[in-house]
């Protein structure tokens, strides 16, 4: 659902997909071709949230802020994996935040970074461009290959395709992603 809070409403254009079970609250801005998937929550109630173009916030992820001190800024072509928690931080362009990862207040994730599934980026930590980070708390694991950096863009591009299909398809039988394997 889309909620106004304290006279501020989420802002996005008709190129954006917001799943019916997702919640967008307050001062939230989504860039074109972005998507917010099932049961995700983006809550800009006590500060603002800005998400760039071609970014995706996947199922059950939460994006929040800290009152007056830590807004959340997510760049272009960012994939925030299922069940991730993003809180009062800055994530630059072309980043993959893995499934169930957490990024906390005042952390900065530079461009072209992968944060591995289940990792914790503690408050104030800066992740340098071009690396994989993993662990709780995260540690620099290794340099990303060119193929891995390109894969970040490919994930974002795939979600642009998915969300365009979801915006256009009204019934399962027209959806190329749905297969009914039940026997009649």
N, C-alpha and C. Protein backbone atom coordinates (compact mmCIF):
# COMPACT_ATOMS: atom_id res chain seq x y z
N UNK A 1 0.83 -1.18 0.00
CA UNK A 1 0.00 0.00 0.00
C UNK A 1 0.88 1.25 0.00
N UNK A 2 0.33 2.30 -0.50
CA UNK A 2 1.02 3.59 -0.55
C UNK A 2 0.40 4.47 0.54
N UNK A 3 1.25 4.93 1.48
CA UNK A 3 0.76 5.70 2.61
C UNK A 3 1.35 7.11 2.61
N UNK A 4 0.49 8.09 2.79
CA UNK A 4 0.96 9.44 3.09
C UNK A 4 1.26 9.48 4.59
N UNK A 5 2.33 10.19 4.96
CA UNK A 5 2.65 10.35 6.37
C UNK A 5 3.20 11.75 6.57
N UNK A 6 2.62 12.49 7.50
CA UNK A 6 3.01 13.87 7.79
C UNK A 6 3.06 14.72 6.52
N UNK A 7 2.02 14.58 5.70
CA UNK A 7 1.84 15.34 4.47
C UNK A 7 2.89 15.02 3.39
N UNK A 8 3.56 13.89 3.51
CA UNK A 8 4.51 13.46 2.48
C UNK A 8 4.09 12.11 1.96
N UNK A 9 4.08 12.00 0.61
CA UNK A 9 3.67 10.76 -0.05
C UNK A 9 4.78 10.23 -0.93
N UNK A 10 4.87 8.91 -1.07
CA UNK A 10 5.84 8.34 -2.00
C UNK A 10 5.65 8.89 -3.41
N UNK A 11 6.78 9.10 -4.11
CA UNK A 11 6.77 9.67 -5.46
C UNK A 11 7.48 8.72 -6.42
N UNK A 12 6.78 8.41 -7.51
CA UNK A 12 7.36 7.56 -8.55
C UNK A 12 6.50 7.68 -9.79
N UNK A 13 7.08 7.30 -10.94
CA UNK A 13 6.32 7.41 -12.18
C UNK A 13 5.75 6.05 -12.59
N UNK A 14 5.09 6.01 -13.73
CA UNK A 14 4.40 4.79 -14.15
C UNK A 14 5.33 3.73 -14.74
N UNK A 15 6.64 3.95 -14.71
CA UNK A 15 7.59 2.91 -15.11
C UNK A 15 7.99 2.04 -13.92
N UNK A 16 7.51 2.36 -12.74
CA UNK A 16 7.88 1.66 -11.51
C UNK A 16 6.84 0.59 -11.19
N UNK A 17 7.31 -0.56 -10.74
CA UNK A 17 6.41 -1.61 -10.25
C UNK A 17 6.47 -1.65 -8.74
N UNK A 18 5.30 -1.56 -8.10
CA UNK A 18 5.16 -1.74 -6.65
C UNK A 18 4.17 -2.88 -6.45
N UNK A 19 4.62 -3.98 -5.89
CA UNK A 19 3.75 -5.13 -5.66
C UNK A 19 2.61 -4.74 -4.74
N UNK A 20 1.44 -5.33 -4.93
CA UNK A 20 0.28 -4.98 -4.12
C UNK A 20 0.49 -5.15 -2.62
N UNK A 21 1.35 -6.08 -2.21
CA UNK A 21 1.58 -6.31 -0.79
C UNK A 21 2.75 -5.51 -0.23
N UNK A 22 3.43 -4.72 -1.06
CA UNK A 22 4.52 -3.87 -0.58
C UNK A 22 3.94 -2.63 0.09
N UNK A 23 4.70 -2.05 1.02
CA UNK A 23 4.29 -0.82 1.70
C UNK A 23 5.33 0.27 1.47
N UNK A 24 4.86 1.40 0.93
CA UNK A 24 5.68 2.59 0.76
C UNK A 24 5.05 3.68 1.62
N UNK A 25 5.85 4.27 2.48
CA UNK A 25 5.31 5.17 3.49
C UNK A 25 6.11 6.47 3.50
N UNK A 26 5.41 7.60 3.37
CA UNK A 26 6.00 8.91 3.61
C UNK A 26 6.92 9.41 2.52
N UNK A 27 8.06 9.97 2.93
CA UNK A 27 8.97 10.69 2.06
C UNK A 27 9.90 9.72 1.33
N UNK A 28 9.36 9.08 0.29
CA UNK A 28 10.07 8.06 -0.49
C UNK A 28 10.02 8.48 -1.95
N UNK A 29 11.17 8.42 -2.61
CA UNK A 29 11.24 8.72 -4.04
C UNK A 29 11.90 7.54 -4.74
N UNK A 30 11.23 7.02 -5.79
CA UNK A 30 11.74 5.90 -6.57
C UNK A 30 12.06 6.36 -7.98
N UNK A 31 13.25 6.00 -8.49
CA UNK A 31 13.63 6.34 -9.85
C UNK A 31 12.95 5.45 -10.87
N UNK A 32 12.99 5.86 -12.11
CA UNK A 32 12.31 5.13 -13.19
C UNK A 32 12.83 3.71 -13.33
N UNK A 33 11.93 2.83 -13.75
CA UNK A 33 12.21 1.41 -13.99
C UNK A 33 12.64 0.65 -12.75
N UNK A 34 12.39 1.20 -11.57
CA UNK A 34 12.70 0.50 -10.33
C UNK A 34 11.53 -0.38 -9.93
N UNK A 35 11.75 -1.23 -8.92
CA UNK A 35 10.69 -2.13 -8.48
C UNK A 35 10.80 -2.41 -6.99
N UNK A 36 9.62 -2.59 -6.39
CA UNK A 36 9.50 -2.94 -4.98
C UNK A 36 8.62 -4.18 -4.93
N UNK A 37 9.17 -5.27 -4.42
CA UNK A 37 8.53 -6.57 -4.56
C UNK A 37 7.70 -6.94 -3.34
N UNK A 38 7.11 -8.11 -3.39
CA UNK A 38 6.09 -8.54 -2.44
C UNK A 38 6.58 -8.50 -0.99
N UNK A 39 5.74 -7.86 -0.16
CA UNK A 39 5.95 -7.75 1.28
C UNK A 39 7.17 -6.90 1.67
N UNK A 40 7.75 -6.18 0.75
CA UNK A 40 8.83 -5.25 1.10
C UNK A 40 8.21 -4.01 1.75
N UNK A 41 9.00 -3.38 2.63
CA UNK A 41 8.57 -2.15 3.30
C UNK A 41 9.63 -1.09 3.09
N UNK A 42 9.20 0.07 2.61
CA UNK A 42 10.09 1.24 2.48
C UNK A 42 9.43 2.35 3.28
N UNK A 43 10.00 2.65 4.45
CA UNK A 43 9.32 3.52 5.41
C UNK A 43 10.11 4.82 5.62
N UNK A 44 9.69 5.85 4.87
CA UNK A 44 10.29 7.18 4.99
C UNK A 44 9.44 8.06 5.90
N UNK A 45 9.28 7.64 7.13
CA UNK A 45 8.39 8.36 8.04
C UNK A 45 9.10 9.44 8.85
N UNK A 46 10.30 9.19 9.31
CA UNK A 46 11.00 10.18 10.14
C UNK A 46 12.25 10.74 9.46
N UNK A 47 12.43 10.41 8.21
CA UNK A 47 13.49 10.97 7.37
C UNK A 47 13.17 10.51 5.94
N UNK A 48 13.98 10.92 4.96
CA UNK A 48 13.66 10.62 3.57
C UNK A 48 14.45 9.43 3.06
N UNK A 49 13.88 8.82 2.01
CA UNK A 49 14.50 7.69 1.31
C UNK A 49 14.47 7.99 -0.17
N UNK A 50 15.60 7.82 -0.83
CA UNK A 50 15.68 7.99 -2.28
C UNK A 50 16.31 6.75 -2.89
N UNK A 51 15.62 6.19 -3.88
CA UNK A 51 16.09 5.00 -4.59
C UNK A 51 16.20 5.36 -6.06
N UNK A 52 17.35 5.07 -6.66
CA UNK A 52 17.63 5.49 -8.03
C UNK A 52 16.91 4.66 -9.09
N UNK A 53 17.35 4.83 -10.30
CA UNK A 53 16.76 4.18 -11.47
C UNK A 53 17.23 2.73 -11.60
N UNK A 54 16.32 1.88 -12.08
CA UNK A 54 16.61 0.48 -12.38
C UNK A 54 17.08 -0.31 -11.15
N UNK A 55 16.66 0.13 -9.98
CA UNK A 55 17.00 -0.59 -8.74
C UNK A 55 15.82 -1.44 -8.32
N UNK A 56 16.09 -2.49 -7.55
CA UNK A 56 15.02 -3.37 -7.10
C UNK A 56 15.17 -3.70 -5.63
N UNK A 57 14.05 -3.62 -4.94
CA UNK A 57 13.97 -3.97 -3.52
C UNK A 57 13.13 -5.25 -3.47
N UNK A 58 13.77 -6.35 -3.18
CA UNK A 58 13.12 -7.65 -3.34
C UNK A 58 12.26 -8.02 -2.14
N UNK A 59 11.56 -9.14 -2.28
CA UNK A 59 10.57 -9.60 -1.33
C UNK A 59 11.07 -9.57 0.12
N UNK A 60 10.21 -9.04 1.00
CA UNK A 60 10.43 -9.01 2.44
C UNK A 60 11.58 -8.11 2.89
N UNK A 61 12.18 -7.35 2.01
CA UNK A 61 13.25 -6.43 2.41
C UNK A 61 12.63 -5.24 3.14
N UNK A 62 13.42 -4.62 4.02
CA UNK A 62 12.99 -3.41 4.73
C UNK A 62 14.02 -2.31 4.49
N UNK A 63 13.50 -1.12 4.19
CA UNK A 63 14.34 0.06 4.03
C UNK A 63 13.78 1.11 4.98
N UNK A 64 14.62 1.61 5.89
CA UNK A 64 14.16 2.59 6.87
C UNK A 64 15.25 3.62 7.09
N UNK A 65 15.03 4.51 8.04
CA UNK A 65 15.85 5.70 8.29
C UNK A 65 15.98 5.91 9.79
N UNK A 66 16.84 6.88 10.18
CA UNK A 66 16.91 7.31 11.57
C UNK A 66 16.45 8.75 11.64
N UNK A 67 15.64 9.05 12.63
CA UNK A 67 15.02 10.37 12.80
C UNK A 67 16.06 11.49 12.70
N UNK A 68 15.88 12.36 11.74
CA UNK A 68 16.64 13.60 11.52
C UNK A 68 18.14 13.42 11.28
N UNK A 69 18.69 12.24 11.47
CA UNK A 69 20.14 12.11 11.33
C UNK A 69 20.59 11.24 10.16
N UNK A 70 19.83 10.21 9.81
CA UNK A 70 20.29 9.27 8.79
C UNK A 70 19.19 8.96 7.79
N UNK A 71 19.15 9.69 6.67
CA UNK A 71 18.26 9.28 5.58
C UNK A 71 18.86 8.04 4.91
N UNK A 72 18.15 7.50 3.96
CA UNK A 72 18.68 6.36 3.18
C UNK A 72 18.71 6.75 1.72
N UNK A 73 19.87 6.53 1.10
CA UNK A 73 20.07 6.85 -0.31
C UNK A 73 20.56 5.58 -0.99
N UNK A 74 19.82 5.12 -2.00
CA UNK A 74 20.19 3.93 -2.78
C UNK A 74 20.33 4.38 -4.22
N UNK A 75 21.44 4.06 -4.86
CA UNK A 75 21.74 4.54 -6.20
C UNK A 75 21.02 3.78 -7.31
N UNK A 76 21.58 3.89 -8.50
CA UNK A 76 21.05 3.25 -9.71
C UNK A 76 21.58 1.83 -9.84
N UNK A 77 20.75 0.96 -10.41
CA UNK A 77 21.12 -0.42 -10.71
C UNK A 77 21.58 -1.17 -9.45
N UNK A 78 20.84 -0.96 -8.37
CA UNK A 78 21.12 -1.65 -7.12
C UNK A 78 20.10 -2.76 -6.93
N UNK A 79 20.58 -3.93 -6.54
CA UNK A 79 19.72 -5.04 -6.18
C UNK A 79 19.81 -5.26 -4.68
N UNK A 80 18.66 -5.13 -4.00
CA UNK A 80 18.58 -5.40 -2.57
C UNK A 80 17.84 -6.73 -2.44
N UNK A 81 18.57 -7.75 -2.01
CA UNK A 81 18.05 -9.12 -2.00
C UNK A 81 16.94 -9.35 -0.99
N UNK A 82 16.29 -10.49 -1.14
CA UNK A 82 15.19 -10.90 -0.27
C UNK A 82 15.59 -10.82 1.20
N UNK A 83 14.69 -10.29 2.02
CA UNK A 83 14.87 -10.22 3.47
C UNK A 83 16.03 -9.34 3.93
N UNK A 84 16.56 -8.51 3.06
CA UNK A 84 17.65 -7.61 3.48
C UNK A 84 17.08 -6.47 4.32
N UNK A 85 17.95 -5.87 5.15
CA UNK A 85 17.60 -4.73 5.98
C UNK A 85 18.56 -3.60 5.64
N UNK A 86 18.00 -2.48 5.17
CA UNK A 86 18.79 -1.30 4.79
C UNK A 86 18.32 -0.18 5.71
N UNK A 87 19.24 0.43 6.48
CA UNK A 87 18.81 1.38 7.51
C UNK A 87 19.75 2.59 7.58
N UNK A 88 19.24 3.75 7.18
CA UNK A 88 19.96 5.01 7.38
C UNK A 88 21.36 5.05 6.80
N UNK A 89 21.53 4.55 5.59
CA UNK A 89 22.85 4.41 4.99
C UNK A 89 22.84 4.94 3.56
N UNK A 90 24.01 4.91 2.92
CA UNK A 90 24.15 5.30 1.53
C UNK A 90 24.73 4.13 0.74
N UNK A 91 24.01 3.75 -0.31
CA UNK A 91 24.46 2.69 -1.20
C UNK A 91 24.58 3.32 -2.60
N UNK A 92 25.77 3.32 -3.14
CA UNK A 92 26.01 3.94 -4.45
C UNK A 92 25.51 3.02 -5.57
N UNK A 93 25.89 3.33 -6.81
CA UNK A 93 25.40 2.63 -8.00
C UNK A 93 26.02 1.24 -8.14
N UNK A 94 25.24 0.36 -8.82
CA UNK A 94 25.71 -0.98 -9.21
C UNK A 94 26.24 -1.76 -8.00
N UNK A 95 25.33 -1.99 -7.05
CA UNK A 95 25.65 -2.75 -5.85
C UNK A 95 24.66 -3.89 -5.74
N UNK A 96 25.14 -5.03 -5.28
CA UNK A 96 24.29 -6.16 -4.95
C UNK A 96 24.35 -6.38 -3.45
N UNK A 97 23.22 -6.22 -2.79
CA UNK A 97 23.10 -6.52 -1.36
C UNK A 97 22.45 -7.89 -1.29
N UNK A 98 23.17 -8.87 -0.79
CA UNK A 98 22.72 -10.25 -0.81
C UNK A 98 21.52 -10.53 0.09
N UNK A 99 20.94 -11.69 -0.11
CA UNK A 99 19.79 -12.14 0.67
C UNK A 99 20.13 -12.08 2.16
N UNK A 100 19.23 -11.50 2.92
CA UNK A 100 19.30 -11.43 4.38
C UNK A 100 20.50 -10.64 4.90
N UNK A 101 21.09 -9.78 4.07
CA UNK A 101 22.18 -8.92 4.53
C UNK A 101 21.59 -7.69 5.22
N UNK A 102 22.40 -7.05 6.08
CA UNK A 102 21.98 -5.86 6.81
C UNK A 102 23.03 -4.77 6.62
N UNK A 103 22.56 -3.55 6.29
CA UNK A 103 23.45 -2.39 6.16
C UNK A 103 22.89 -1.33 7.10
N UNK A 104 23.72 -0.88 8.08
CA UNK A 104 23.22 -0.02 9.14
C UNK A 104 23.64 1.45 9.00
N UNK A 105 23.17 2.26 9.92
CA UNK A 105 23.28 3.72 9.90
C UNK A 105 24.69 4.23 9.57
N UNK A 106 24.70 5.20 8.69
CA UNK A 106 25.90 5.93 8.27
C UNK A 106 26.92 5.05 7.54
N UNK A 107 26.58 3.82 7.24
CA UNK A 107 27.46 3.00 6.41
C UNK A 107 27.39 3.54 4.99
N UNK A 108 28.48 3.39 4.25
CA UNK A 108 28.55 3.81 2.86
C UNK A 108 29.07 2.63 2.05
N UNK A 109 28.29 2.23 1.04
CA UNK A 109 28.70 1.17 0.13
C UNK A 109 28.98 1.85 -1.20
N UNK A 110 30.25 1.87 -1.59
CA UNK A 110 30.63 2.50 -2.85
C UNK A 110 30.13 1.67 -4.04
N UNK A 111 30.24 2.23 -5.23
CA UNK A 111 29.78 1.55 -6.45
C UNK A 111 30.55 0.26 -6.71
N UNK A 112 29.89 -0.65 -7.44
CA UNK A 112 30.51 -1.90 -7.89
C UNK A 112 30.98 -2.75 -6.71
N UNK A 113 30.05 -3.05 -5.81
CA UNK A 113 30.33 -3.86 -4.63
C UNK A 113 29.28 -4.96 -4.53
N UNK A 114 29.70 -6.12 -4.04
CA UNK A 114 28.78 -7.18 -3.66
C UNK A 114 28.92 -7.40 -2.16
N UNK A 115 27.77 -7.33 -1.45
CA UNK A 115 27.71 -7.66 -0.04
C UNK A 115 27.06 -9.05 0.02
N UNK A 116 27.80 -10.03 0.49
CA UNK A 116 27.35 -11.42 0.45
C UNK A 116 26.12 -11.64 1.32
N UNK A 117 25.37 -12.66 0.98
CA UNK A 117 24.17 -13.03 1.72
C UNK A 117 24.49 -13.20 3.20
N UNK A 118 23.59 -12.70 4.05
CA UNK A 118 23.72 -12.87 5.50
C UNK A 118 24.74 -11.98 6.17
N UNK A 119 25.37 -11.08 5.43
CA UNK A 119 26.42 -10.23 6.00
C UNK A 119 25.84 -9.06 6.78
N UNK A 120 26.64 -8.51 7.69
CA UNK A 120 26.28 -7.33 8.47
C UNK A 120 27.29 -6.23 8.21
N UNK A 121 26.81 -5.10 7.68
CA UNK A 121 27.65 -3.91 7.50
C UNK A 121 27.35 -3.01 8.70
N UNK A 122 28.30 -2.88 9.64
CA UNK A 122 28.01 -2.15 10.88
C UNK A 122 27.93 -0.64 10.65
N UNK A 123 27.39 0.08 11.63
CA UNK A 123 27.26 1.53 11.50
C UNK A 123 28.60 2.21 11.16
N UNK A 124 28.56 3.14 10.21
CA UNK A 124 29.72 3.94 9.87
C UNK A 124 30.76 3.27 9.00
N UNK A 125 30.61 2.02 8.66
CA UNK A 125 31.59 1.29 7.85
C UNK A 125 31.51 1.74 6.39
N UNK A 126 32.66 1.89 5.75
CA UNK A 126 32.72 2.25 4.32
C UNK A 126 33.27 1.05 3.56
N UNK A 127 32.53 0.62 2.51
CA UNK A 127 32.96 -0.49 1.68
C UNK A 127 33.51 0.04 0.38
N UNK A 128 34.75 -0.29 0.10
CA UNK A 128 35.47 0.23 -1.07
C UNK A 128 34.99 -0.42 -2.37
N UNK A 129 34.92 0.39 -3.40
CA UNK A 129 34.48 -0.04 -4.72
C UNK A 129 35.34 -1.19 -5.25
N UNK A 130 34.64 -2.15 -5.92
CA UNK A 130 35.35 -3.21 -6.64
C UNK A 130 35.61 -4.47 -5.84
N UNK A 131 34.97 -4.62 -4.66
CA UNK A 131 35.25 -5.77 -3.81
C UNK A 131 33.99 -6.51 -3.39
N UNK A 132 34.19 -7.77 -3.01
CA UNK A 132 33.18 -8.59 -2.34
C UNK A 132 33.45 -8.46 -0.85
N UNK A 133 32.36 -8.28 -0.10
CA UNK A 133 32.43 -8.22 1.36
C UNK A 133 31.54 -9.30 1.92
N UNK A 134 32.00 -9.94 3.00
CA UNK A 134 31.17 -10.96 3.62
C UNK A 134 31.49 -11.07 5.11
N UNK A 135 30.53 -11.62 5.84
CA UNK A 135 30.71 -11.87 7.26
C UNK A 135 29.87 -10.95 8.13
N UNK A 136 29.98 -11.19 9.43
CA UNK A 136 29.22 -10.42 10.41
C UNK A 136 30.12 -10.14 11.60
N UNK A 137 30.78 -8.97 11.61
CA UNK A 137 30.67 -7.87 10.65
C UNK A 137 31.45 -8.17 9.37
N UNK A 138 31.11 -7.42 8.29
CA UNK A 138 31.74 -7.68 7.00
C UNK A 138 33.24 -7.40 7.04
N UNK A 139 33.91 -8.19 6.22
CA UNK A 139 35.32 -7.97 5.95
C UNK A 139 35.50 -8.04 4.44
N UNK A 140 36.48 -7.30 3.94
CA UNK A 140 36.79 -7.36 2.52
C UNK A 140 37.26 -8.78 2.21
N UNK A 141 36.58 -9.44 1.29
CA UNK A 141 36.88 -10.83 0.98
C UNK A 141 37.87 -10.94 -0.17
N UNK A 142 37.53 -10.27 -1.30
CA UNK A 142 38.40 -10.34 -2.47
C UNK A 142 37.96 -9.31 -3.50
N UNK A 143 38.82 -9.06 -4.46
CA UNK A 143 38.50 -8.16 -5.57
C UNK A 143 37.51 -8.86 -6.49
N UNK A 144 36.55 -8.08 -7.00
CA UNK A 144 35.58 -8.62 -7.95
C UNK A 144 36.20 -8.72 -9.33
N UNK A 145 35.83 -9.76 -10.06
CA UNK A 145 36.24 -9.89 -11.46
C UNK A 145 35.37 -8.96 -12.31
N UNK A 146 35.81 -8.72 -13.53
CA UNK A 146 34.99 -7.91 -14.45
C UNK A 146 33.65 -8.58 -14.71
N UNK A 147 33.66 -9.91 -14.79
CA UNK A 147 32.40 -10.64 -15.00
C UNK A 147 31.44 -10.43 -13.83
N UNK A 148 31.95 -10.43 -12.62
CA UNK A 148 31.09 -10.21 -11.45
C UNK A 148 30.54 -8.78 -11.42
N UNK A 149 31.36 -7.83 -11.79
CA UNK A 149 30.87 -6.44 -11.85
C UNK A 149 29.77 -6.32 -12.90
N UNK A 150 29.97 -6.96 -14.05
CA UNK A 150 28.92 -6.95 -15.08
C UNK A 150 27.67 -7.69 -14.62
N UNK A 151 27.84 -8.72 -13.79
CA UNK A 151 26.68 -9.47 -13.31
C UNK A 151 25.77 -8.59 -12.44
N UNK A 152 26.33 -7.62 -11.75
CA UNK A 152 25.51 -6.70 -10.94
C UNK A 152 24.56 -5.94 -11.86
N UNK A 153 25.08 -5.46 -12.97
CA UNK A 153 24.22 -4.78 -13.96
C UNK A 153 23.19 -5.74 -14.55
N UNK A 154 23.60 -6.98 -14.80
CA UNK A 154 22.69 -7.96 -15.37
C UNK A 154 21.53 -8.27 -14.41
N UNK A 155 21.82 -8.39 -13.11
CA UNK A 155 20.74 -8.62 -12.14
C UNK A 155 19.74 -7.48 -12.18
N UNK A 156 20.24 -6.26 -12.20
CA UNK A 156 19.35 -5.09 -12.25
C UNK A 156 18.54 -5.09 -13.55
N UNK A 157 19.19 -5.40 -14.66
CA UNK A 157 18.48 -5.44 -15.95
C UNK A 157 17.41 -6.52 -15.96
N UNK A 158 17.70 -7.67 -15.35
CA UNK A 158 16.68 -8.73 -15.27
C UNK A 158 15.46 -8.25 -14.50
N UNK A 159 15.68 -7.54 -13.40
CA UNK A 159 14.54 -7.07 -12.61
C UNK A 159 13.75 -5.98 -13.33
N UNK A 160 14.40 -5.22 -14.19
CA UNK A 160 13.65 -4.28 -15.02
C UNK A 160 12.72 -5.06 -15.94
N UNK A 161 13.23 -6.14 -16.54
CA UNK A 161 12.38 -6.98 -17.40
C UNK A 161 11.23 -7.59 -16.61
N UNK A 162 11.54 -8.13 -15.43
CA UNK A 162 10.49 -8.76 -14.62
C UNK A 162 9.40 -7.76 -14.27
N UNK A 163 9.81 -6.57 -13.81
CA UNK A 163 8.80 -5.61 -13.37
C UNK A 163 7.97 -5.10 -14.53
N UNK A 164 8.56 -4.98 -15.71
CA UNK A 164 7.77 -4.57 -16.87
C UNK A 164 6.71 -5.61 -17.20
N UNK A 165 7.07 -6.87 -17.08
CA UNK A 165 6.11 -7.93 -17.33
C UNK A 165 5.01 -7.91 -16.28
N UNK A 166 5.36 -7.76 -15.03
CA UNK A 166 4.36 -7.71 -13.96
C UNK A 166 3.40 -6.54 -14.14
N UNK A 167 3.91 -5.41 -14.61
CA UNK A 167 3.04 -4.24 -14.82
C UNK A 167 2.06 -4.48 -15.95
N UNK A 168 2.40 -5.35 -16.91
CA UNK A 168 1.56 -5.55 -18.09
C UNK A 168 0.66 -6.76 -18.01
N UNK A 169 0.97 -7.71 -17.17
CA UNK A 169 0.24 -8.97 -17.13
C UNK A 169 -0.80 -8.94 -16.02
N UNK A 170 -2.02 -9.27 -16.38
CA UNK A 170 -3.11 -9.28 -15.40
C UNK A 170 -3.48 -10.67 -14.93
N UNK A 171 -3.19 -11.68 -15.73
CA UNK A 171 -3.60 -13.04 -15.37
C UNK A 171 -2.42 -13.98 -15.51
N UNK A 172 -2.40 -15.00 -14.63
CA UNK A 172 -1.31 -15.97 -14.65
C UNK A 172 -1.13 -16.63 -16.01
N UNK A 173 -2.23 -16.93 -16.70
CA UNK A 173 -2.09 -17.67 -17.95
C UNK A 173 -1.43 -16.84 -19.05
N UNK A 174 -1.30 -15.54 -18.84
CA UNK A 174 -0.58 -14.69 -19.80
C UNK A 174 0.86 -14.42 -19.36
N UNK A 175 1.22 -14.87 -18.17
CA UNK A 175 2.51 -14.54 -17.59
C UNK A 175 3.57 -15.56 -18.02
N UNK A 176 4.61 -15.12 -18.75
CA UNK A 176 5.64 -16.06 -19.21
C UNK A 176 6.48 -16.63 -18.08
N UNK A 177 6.40 -16.03 -16.85
CA UNK A 177 7.17 -16.54 -15.72
C UNK A 177 6.40 -17.60 -14.94
N UNK A 178 5.12 -17.77 -15.25
CA UNK A 178 4.29 -18.70 -14.51
C UNK A 178 4.06 -19.97 -15.33
N UNK A 179 4.29 -21.10 -14.72
CA UNK A 179 4.04 -22.38 -15.37
C UNK A 179 3.11 -23.18 -14.46
N UNK A 180 2.02 -23.64 -15.00
CA UNK A 180 1.10 -24.47 -14.24
C UNK A 180 1.41 -25.92 -14.58
N UNK A 181 2.04 -26.60 -13.65
CA UNK A 181 2.45 -27.99 -13.88
C UNK A 181 1.42 -28.99 -13.37
N UNK A 182 0.27 -28.50 -12.92
CA UNK A 182 -0.76 -29.41 -12.42
C UNK A 182 -1.38 -30.19 -13.59
N UNK A 183 -1.70 -31.41 -13.32
CA UNK A 183 -2.37 -32.25 -14.32
C UNK A 183 -3.87 -32.00 -14.25
N UNK A 184 -4.53 -31.96 -15.40
CA UNK A 184 -5.97 -31.73 -15.43
C UNK A 184 -6.71 -32.98 -15.08
